[in-house]
């Protein structure tokens, strides 16, 4: 880690004590989080005097993290394979900016509800990441459903088969459809109008 690249200024050359530009009162030094389960996996952070943990999440009062999180594995990939900016984007050939999960790990993980980004797919294997520019990364994620949608989400009340049934129903009111499937009238209406479950309905209004 190079503090200068992160916007820090060394107080005295060679001292190892740094401050943020525009705020010379608070000083920082490179530290390693003392939580053995820290998702940074040994990657240094800039900490204040006496600071032992990189964040509140790593405070001893928090449960130990034995498996790297979504953000933790991205830090690990950068540490093991270098910055994505050192490589060309695998899609367009321009300079890459981010490491992108290739979606091919049979043991992939999904970010649980309550964490960010909830529903995102990721791998614990650094070899399942490819360098991409920001634009290509976003397009790739959309095309390959990098975030779990539909019946695989944690809060889903319907299966895709039920959604197709609601969408294709003829002669039943939205209230009746809601009662049959245990959802609200609004949910049934949104499906029929193509506002939700677009990967099933195609985002088009049903023929009533």
C-alpha atoms as a PDB file:
ATOM      1  CA  UNK A   1       0.000   0.000   0.000  1.00  0.00           C
ATOM      2  CA  UNK A   2       1.274   3.447  -0.919  1.00  0.00           C
ATOM      3  CA  UNK A   3      -0.360   6.080   1.354  1.00  0.00           C
ATOM      4  CA  UNK A   4       0.547   8.838  -1.112  1.00  0.00           C
ATOM      5  CA  UNK A   5      -1.623   7.200  -3.770  1.00  0.00           C
ATOM      6  CA  UNK A   6      -4.533   7.306  -1.298  1.00  0.00           C
ATOM      7  CA  UNK A   7      -4.193  11.063  -0.788  1.00  0.00           C
ATOM      8  CA  UNK A   8      -2.042  11.053   2.381  1.00  0.00           C
ATOM      9  CA  UNK A   9       0.950  13.324   2.929  1.00  0.00           C
ATOM     10  CA  UNK A  10       3.953  12.217   5.002  1.00  0.00           C
ATOM     11  CA  UNK A  11       4.552  14.646   7.867  1.00  0.00           C
ATOM     12  CA  UNK A  12       8.327  14.248   7.764  1.00  0.00           C
ATOM     13  CA  UNK A  13       9.949  12.290   4.903  1.00  0.00           C
ATOM     14  CA  UNK A  14      10.878   8.842   6.164  1.00  0.00           C
ATOM     15  CA  UNK A  15       8.897   9.141   9.416  1.00  0.00           C
ATOM     16  CA  UNK A  16       6.072   6.802   8.397  1.00  0.00           C
ATOM     17  CA  UNK A  17       3.543   9.209   9.911  1.00  0.00           C
ATOM     18  CA  UNK A  18       0.936  10.546   7.521  1.00  0.00           C
ATOM     19  CA  UNK A  19      -1.933  13.009   7.473  1.00  0.00           C
ATOM     20  CA  UNK A  20      -4.750  13.703   5.056  1.00  0.00           C
ATOM     21  CA  UNK A  21      -4.325  16.727   2.826  1.00  0.00           C
ATOM     22  CA  UNK A  22      -6.255  19.619   4.351  1.00  0.00           C
ATOM     23  CA  UNK A  23      -6.266  18.067   7.834  1.00  0.00           C
ATOM     24  CA  UNK A  24      -2.853  18.044   9.473  1.00  0.00           C
ATOM     25  CA  UNK A  25      -4.122  17.496  13.030  1.00  0.00           C
ATOM     26  CA  UNK A  26      -4.987  13.792  12.759  1.00  0.00           C
ATOM     27  CA  UNK A  27      -2.112  11.499  11.871  1.00  0.00           C
ATOM     28  CA  UNK A  28      -2.195   7.983  10.462  1.00  0.00           C
ATOM     29  CA  UNK A  29       0.201   5.088  10.033  1.00  0.00           C
ATOM     30  CA  UNK A  30      -0.139   1.867   7.997  1.00  0.00           C
ATOM     31  CA  UNK A  31      -1.581  -0.857  10.228  1.00  0.00           C
ATOM     32  CA  UNK A  32      -2.852  -4.419   9.949  1.00  0.00           C
ATOM     33  CA  UNK A  33      -6.224  -5.175  11.526  1.00  0.00           C
ATOM     34  CA  UNK A  34      -5.903  -7.300  14.686  1.00  0.00           C
ATOM     35  CA  UNK A  35      -9.103  -9.234  13.984  1.00  0.00           C
ATOM     36  CA  UNK A  36      -7.913 -12.651  12.692  1.00  0.00           C
ATOM     37  CA  UNK A  37     -11.046 -12.929  10.577  1.00  0.00           C
ATOM     38  CA  UNK A  38     -10.779  -9.482   8.990  1.00  0.00           C
ATOM     39  CA  UNK A  39     -11.979  -9.579   5.362  1.00  0.00           C
ATOM     40  CA  UNK A  40      -8.918  -7.520   4.393  1.00  0.00           C
ATOM     41  CA  UNK A  41      -6.928 -10.721   4.950  1.00  0.00           C
ATOM     42  CA  UNK A  42      -3.798  -8.919   6.165  1.00  0.00           C
ATOM     43  CA  UNK A  43      -4.002  -5.985   3.763  1.00  0.00           C
ATOM     44  CA  UNK A  44      -2.796  -2.786   5.526  1.00  0.00           C
ATOM     45  CA  UNK A  45      -5.103   0.130   6.242  1.00  0.00           C
ATOM     46  CA  UNK A  46      -4.402   3.689   7.391  1.00  0.00           C
ATOM     47  CA  UNK A  47      -5.195   3.864  11.110  1.00  0.00           C
ATOM     48  CA  UNK A  48      -5.020   6.484  13.845  1.00  0.00           C
ATOM     49  CA  UNK A  49      -2.810   6.208  16.927  1.00  0.00           C
ATOM     50  CA  UNK A  50      -4.050   3.417  19.158  1.00  0.00           C
ATOM     51  CA  UNK A  51      -6.460   2.064  16.540  1.00  0.00           C
ATOM     52  CA  UNK A  52      -6.435  -1.741  16.529  1.00  0.00           C
ATOM     53  CA  UNK A  53      -9.170  -2.623  14.069  1.00  0.00           C
ATOM     54  CA  UNK A  54      -9.829  -1.392  10.547  1.00  0.00           C
ATOM     55  CA  UNK A  55     -13.571  -0.851  11.093  1.00  0.00           C
ATOM     56  CA  UNK A  56     -16.447  -1.290  13.537  1.00  0.00           C
ATOM     57  CA  UNK A  57     -17.244  -4.545  11.795  1.00  0.00           C
ATOM     58  CA  UNK A  58     -13.947  -6.003  12.972  1.00  0.00           C
ATOM     59  CA  UNK A  59     -14.358  -4.848  16.589  1.00  0.00           C
ATOM     60  CA  UNK A  60     -14.109  -7.751  19.095  1.00  0.00           C
ATOM     61  CA  UNK A  61     -17.800  -7.353  19.837  1.00  0.00           C
ATOM     62  CA  UNK A  62     -18.549  -8.447  16.289  1.00  0.00           C
ATOM     63  CA  UNK A  63     -18.574 -12.172  15.360  1.00  0.00           C
ATOM     64  CA  UNK A  64     -15.391 -13.490  13.803  1.00  0.00           C
ATOM     65  CA  UNK A  65     -15.415 -13.676  10.014  1.00  0.00           C
ATOM     66  CA  UNK A  66     -14.006 -17.066   9.017  1.00  0.00           C
ATOM     67  CA  UNK A  67     -15.037 -16.884   5.348  1.00  0.00           C
ATOM     68  CA  UNK A  68     -14.096 -13.820   3.276  1.00  0.00           C
ATOM     69  CA  UNK A  69     -17.004 -11.545   2.452  1.00  0.00           C
ATOM     70  CA  UNK A  70     -17.859 -10.189  -1.001  1.00  0.00           C
ATOM     71  CA  UNK A  71     -15.655  -7.148  -0.381  1.00  0.00           C
ATOM     72  CA  UNK A  72     -13.015  -9.215   1.406  1.00  0.00           C
ATOM     73  CA  UNK A  73     -12.481 -11.565  -1.528  1.00  0.00           C
ATOM     74  CA  UNK A  74     -12.158  -8.590  -3.888  1.00  0.00           C
ATOM     75  CA  UNK A  75      -9.416  -7.211  -1.621  1.00  0.00           C
ATOM     76  CA  UNK A  76      -7.752 -10.628  -1.678  1.00  0.00           C
ATOM     77  CA  UNK A  77      -7.880 -10.834  -5.480  1.00  0.00           C
ATOM     78  CA  UNK A  78      -6.223  -7.410  -5.761  1.00  0.00           C
ATOM     79  CA  UNK A  79      -3.557  -8.418  -3.247  1.00  0.00           C
ATOM     80  CA  UNK A  80      -2.760 -11.716  -4.965  1.00  0.00           C
ATOM     81  CA  UNK A  81      -3.098 -10.693  -8.599  1.00  0.00           C
ATOM     82  CA  UNK A  82      -2.453  -6.962  -8.451  1.00  0.00           C
ATOM     83  CA  UNK A  83      -4.631  -4.000  -9.343  1.00  0.00           C
ATOM     84  CA  UNK A  84      -7.100  -4.619 -12.177  1.00  0.00           C
ATOM     85  CA  UNK A  85      -5.795  -1.375 -13.674  1.00  0.00           C
ATOM     86  CA  UNK A  86      -2.584  -3.163 -14.631  1.00  0.00           C
ATOM     87  CA  UNK A  87      -4.478  -5.255 -17.172  1.00  0.00           C
ATOM     88  CA  UNK A  88      -6.562  -4.619 -20.297  1.00  0.00           C
ATOM     89  CA  UNK A  89     -10.303  -5.209 -20.097  1.00  0.00           C
ATOM     90  CA  UNK A  90     -11.047  -8.758 -21.301  1.00  0.00           C
ATOM     91  CA  UNK A  91     -14.028  -7.461 -23.310  1.00  0.00           C
ATOM     92  CA  UNK A  92     -13.013  -4.187 -24.976  1.00  0.00           C
ATOM     93  CA  UNK A  93      -9.219  -4.088 -24.550  1.00  0.00           C
ATOM     94  CA  UNK A  94      -9.194  -0.704 -22.812  1.00  0.00           C
ATOM     95  CA  UNK A  95      -7.626  -0.283 -19.377  1.00  0.00           C
ATOM     96  CA  UNK A  96      -9.453  -2.366 -16.783  1.00  0.00           C
ATOM     97  CA  UNK A  97     -10.612  -0.831 -13.499  1.00  0.00           C
ATOM     98  CA  UNK A  98     -12.285  -3.635 -11.530  1.00  0.00           C
ATOM     99  CA  UNK A  99     -12.026  -7.358 -10.918  1.00  0.00           C
ATOM    100  CA  UNK A 100     -15.166  -9.068 -12.216  1.00  0.00           C
ATOM    101  CA  UNK A 101     -16.494 -12.481 -11.141  1.00  0.00           C
ATOM    102  CA  UNK A 102     -16.708 -14.771 -14.191  1.00  0.00           C
ATOM    103  CA  UNK A 103     -19.840 -16.561 -12.931  1.00  0.00           C
ATOM    104  CA  UNK A 104     -18.371 -20.033 -13.475  1.00  0.00           C
ATOM    105  CA  UNK A 105     -17.572 -21.241  -9.955  1.00  0.00           C
ATOM    106  CA  UNK A 106     -19.824 -24.233  -9.087  1.00  0.00           C
ATOM    107  CA  UNK A 107     -19.309 -23.365  -5.402  1.00  0.00           C
ATOM    108  CA  UNK A 108     -20.175 -19.688  -5.761  1.00  0.00           C
ATOM    109  CA  UNK A 109     -21.528 -17.684  -2.817  1.00  0.00           C
ATOM    110  CA  UNK A 110     -24.393 -15.202  -2.622  1.00  0.00           C
ATOM    111  CA  UNK A 111     -24.273 -12.080  -0.449  1.00  0.00           C
ATOM    112  CA  UNK A 112     -26.935 -12.596   2.261  1.00  0.00           C
ATOM    113  CA  UNK A 113     -29.837 -10.250   2.863  1.00  0.00           C
ATOM    114  CA  UNK A 114     -28.799  -7.407   5.172  1.00  0.00           C
ATOM    115  CA  UNK A 115     -25.289  -7.148   3.717  1.00  0.00           C
ATOM    116  CA  UNK A 116     -24.233  -5.138   0.697  1.00  0.00           C
ATOM    117  CA  UNK A 117     -24.606  -5.774  -2.164  1.00  0.00           C
ATOM    118  CA  UNK A 118     -27.397  -8.186  -1.185  1.00  0.00           C
ATOM    119  CA  UNK A 119     -27.980 -10.985  -3.684  1.00  0.00           C
ATOM    120  CA  UNK A 120     -24.672 -10.509  -5.507  1.00  0.00           C
ATOM    121  CA  UNK A 121     -22.916 -13.688  -6.664  1.00  0.00           C
ATOM    122  CA  UNK A 122     -19.205 -14.110  -5.979  1.00  0.00           C
ATOM    123  CA  UNK A 123     -16.479 -16.738  -5.708  1.00  0.00           C
ATOM    124  CA  UNK A 124     -13.934 -17.471  -2.984  1.00  0.00           C
ATOM    125  CA  UNK A 125     -11.463 -18.549  -5.679  1.00  0.00           C
ATOM    126  CA  UNK A 126      -9.318 -15.637  -6.949  1.00  0.00           C
ATOM    127  CA  UNK A 127      -8.901 -17.439 -10.286  1.00  0.00           C
ATOM    128  CA  UNK A 128     -12.596 -16.886 -11.049  1.00  0.00           C
ATOM    129  CA  UNK A 129     -12.117 -13.123 -11.546  1.00  0.00           C
ATOM    130  CA  UNK A 130     -11.356 -11.225 -14.743  1.00  0.00           C
ATOM    131  CA  UNK A 131     -10.219  -7.613 -15.252  1.00  0.00           C
ATOM    132  CA  UNK A 132     -12.848  -5.334 -16.809  1.00  0.00           C
ATOM    133  CA  UNK A 133     -13.402  -1.624 -17.327  1.00  0.00           C
ATOM    134  CA  UNK A 134     -16.365  -0.159 -15.433  1.00  0.00           C
ATOM    135  CA  UNK A 135     -18.673  -0.046 -18.474  1.00  0.00           C
ATOM    136  CA  UNK A 136     -17.994  -3.636 -19.550  1.00  0.00           C
ATOM    137  CA  UNK A 137     -18.249  -4.848 -15.955  1.00  0.00           C
ATOM    138  CA  UNK A 138     -21.766  -3.419 -15.629  1.00  0.00           C
ATOM    139  CA  UNK A 139     -22.859  -4.828 -19.004  1.00  0.00           C
ATOM    140  CA  UNK A 140     -21.355  -8.233 -18.166  1.00  0.00           C
ATOM    141  CA  UNK A 141     -23.120  -8.337 -14.796  1.00  0.00           C
ATOM    142  CA  UNK A 142     -26.487  -7.527 -16.378  1.00  0.00           C
ATOM    143  CA  UNK A 143     -26.063 -10.078 -19.174  1.00  0.00           C
ATOM    144  CA  UNK A 144     -24.947 -12.798 -16.762  1.00  0.00           C
ATOM    145  CA  UNK A 145     -27.282 -11.962 -13.857  1.00  0.00           C
ATOM    146  CA  UNK A 146     -24.464 -11.269 -11.414  1.00  0.00           C
ATOM    147  CA  UNK A 147     -27.139 -10.425  -8.861  1.00  0.00           C
ATOM    148  CA  UNK A 148     -29.689 -13.044  -7.906  1.00  0.00           C
ATOM    149  CA  UNK A 149     -33.217 -12.193  -9.043  1.00  0.00           C
ATOM    150  CA  UNK A 150     -36.636 -13.801  -8.925  1.00  0.00           C
ATOM    151  CA  UNK A 151     -37.375 -16.900  -6.884  1.00  0.00           C
ATOM    152  CA  UNK A 152     -33.759 -17.237  -5.704  1.00  0.00           C
ATOM    153  CA  UNK A 153     -33.923 -14.003  -3.705  1.00  0.00           C
ATOM    154  CA  UNK A 154     -34.325 -14.269   0.040  1.00  0.00           C
ATOM    155  CA  UNK A 155     -37.651 -12.434   0.187  1.00  0.00           C
ATOM    156  CA  UNK A 156     -39.361 -14.072  -2.816  1.00  0.00           C
ATOM    157  CA  UNK A 157     -42.965 -15.136  -2.134  1.00  0.00           C
ATOM    158  CA  UNK A 158     -43.555 -16.558  -5.605  1.00  0.00           C
ATOM    159  CA  UNK A 159     -41.877 -19.064  -7.873  1.00  0.00           C
ATOM    160  CA  UNK A 160     -41.299 -18.273 -11.529  1.00  0.00           C
ATOM    161  CA  UNK A 161     -43.952 -20.857 -12.395  1.00  0.00           C
ATOM    162  CA  UNK A 162     -46.496 -18.971 -10.268  1.00  0.00           C
ATOM    163  CA  UNK A 163     -45.495 -15.694 -11.893  1.00  0.00           C
ATOM    164  CA  UNK A 164     -46.016 -17.165 -15.350  1.00  0.00           C
ATOM    165  CA  UNK A 165     -49.423 -18.385 -14.183  1.00  0.00           C
ATOM    166  CA  UNK A 166     -50.429 -14.934 -12.939  1.00  0.00           C
ATOM    167  CA  UNK A 167     -49.129 -13.291 -16.098  1.00  0.00           C
ATOM    168  CA  UNK A 168     -50.973 -15.681 -18.412  1.00  0.00           C
ATOM    169  CA  UNK A 169     -54.253 -15.841 -16.456  1.00  0.00           C
ATOM    170  CA  UNK A 170     -57.347 -14.865 -18.392  1.00  0.00           C
ATOM    171  CA  UNK A 171     -60.684 -14.008 -16.777  1.00  0.00           C
ATOM    172  CA  UNK A 172     -59.449 -13.738 -13.174  1.00  0.00           C
ATOM    173  CA  UNK A 173     -59.273 -10.390 -11.407  1.00  0.00           C
ATOM    174  CA  UNK A 174     -56.048  -9.197  -9.840  1.00  0.00           C
ATOM    175  CA  UNK A 175     -57.632  -9.523  -6.420  1.00  0.00           C
ATOM    176  CA  UNK A 176     -58.523 -13.159  -7.123  1.00  0.00           C
ATOM    177  CA  UNK A 177     -55.004 -13.854  -8.389  1.00  0.00           C
ATOM    178  CA  UNK A 178     -53.536 -12.260  -5.271  1.00  0.00           C
ATOM    179  CA  UNK A 179     -55.718 -14.389  -2.981  1.00  0.00           C
ATOM    180  CA  UNK A 180     -54.872 -17.593  -4.851  1.00  0.00           C
ATOM    181  CA  UNK A 181     -51.121 -17.012  -4.654  1.00  0.00           C
ATOM    182  CA  UNK A 182     -50.981 -15.286  -1.268  1.00  0.00           C
ATOM    183  CA  UNK A 183     -49.775 -11.900  -2.498  1.00  0.00           C
ATOM    184  CA  UNK A 184     -51.255  -8.424  -2.622  1.00  0.00           C
ATOM    185  CA  UNK A 185     -53.371  -6.986  -5.409  1.00  0.00           C
ATOM    186  CA  UNK A 186     -50.506  -4.581  -6.166  1.00  0.00           C
ATOM    187  CA  UNK A 187     -48.052  -7.462  -6.605  1.00  0.00           C
ATOM    188  CA  UNK A 188     -50.410  -9.232  -9.009  1.00  0.00           C
ATOM    189  CA  UNK A 189     -51.013  -5.988 -10.917  1.00  0.00           C
ATOM    190  CA  UNK A 190     -47.287  -5.254 -11.211  1.00  0.00           C
ATOM    191  CA  UNK A 191     -46.685  -8.713 -12.688  1.00  0.00           C
ATOM    192  CA  UNK A 192     -49.575  -8.368 -15.138  1.00  0.00           C
ATOM    193  CA  UNK A 193     -48.328  -4.953 -16.229  1.00  0.00           C
ATOM    194  CA  UNK A 194     -44.731  -6.137 -16.661  1.00  0.00           C
ATOM    195  CA  UNK A 195     -43.355  -3.840 -13.976  1.00  0.00           C
ATOM    196  CA  UNK A 196     -41.812  -6.636 -11.895  1.00  0.00           C
ATOM    197  CA  UNK A 197     -40.352 -10.084 -12.640  1.00  0.00           C
ATOM    198  CA  UNK A 198     -39.239  -8.681 -15.989  1.00  0.00           C
ATOM    199  CA  UNK A 199     -36.875 -11.600 -16.583  1.00  0.00           C
ATOM    200  CA  UNK A 200     -40.016 -13.781 -16.728  1.00  0.00           C
ATOM    201  CA  UNK A 201     -42.545 -11.445 -18.361  1.00  0.00           C
ATOM    202  CA  UNK A 202     -40.145  -9.620 -20.670  1.00  0.00           C
ATOM    203  CA  UNK A 203     -41.321  -6.327 -19.163  1.00  0.00           C
ATOM    204  CA  UNK A 204     -44.422  -6.300 -21.358  1.00  0.00           C
ATOM    205  CA  UNK A 205     -48.032  -5.834 -20.319  1.00  0.00           C
ATOM    206  CA  UNK A 206     -50.048  -9.045 -20.415  1.00  0.00           C
ATOM    207  CA  UNK A 207     -52.941  -9.515 -22.851  1.00  0.00           C
ATOM    208  CA  UNK A 208     -55.985  -9.349 -20.635  1.00  0.00           C
END
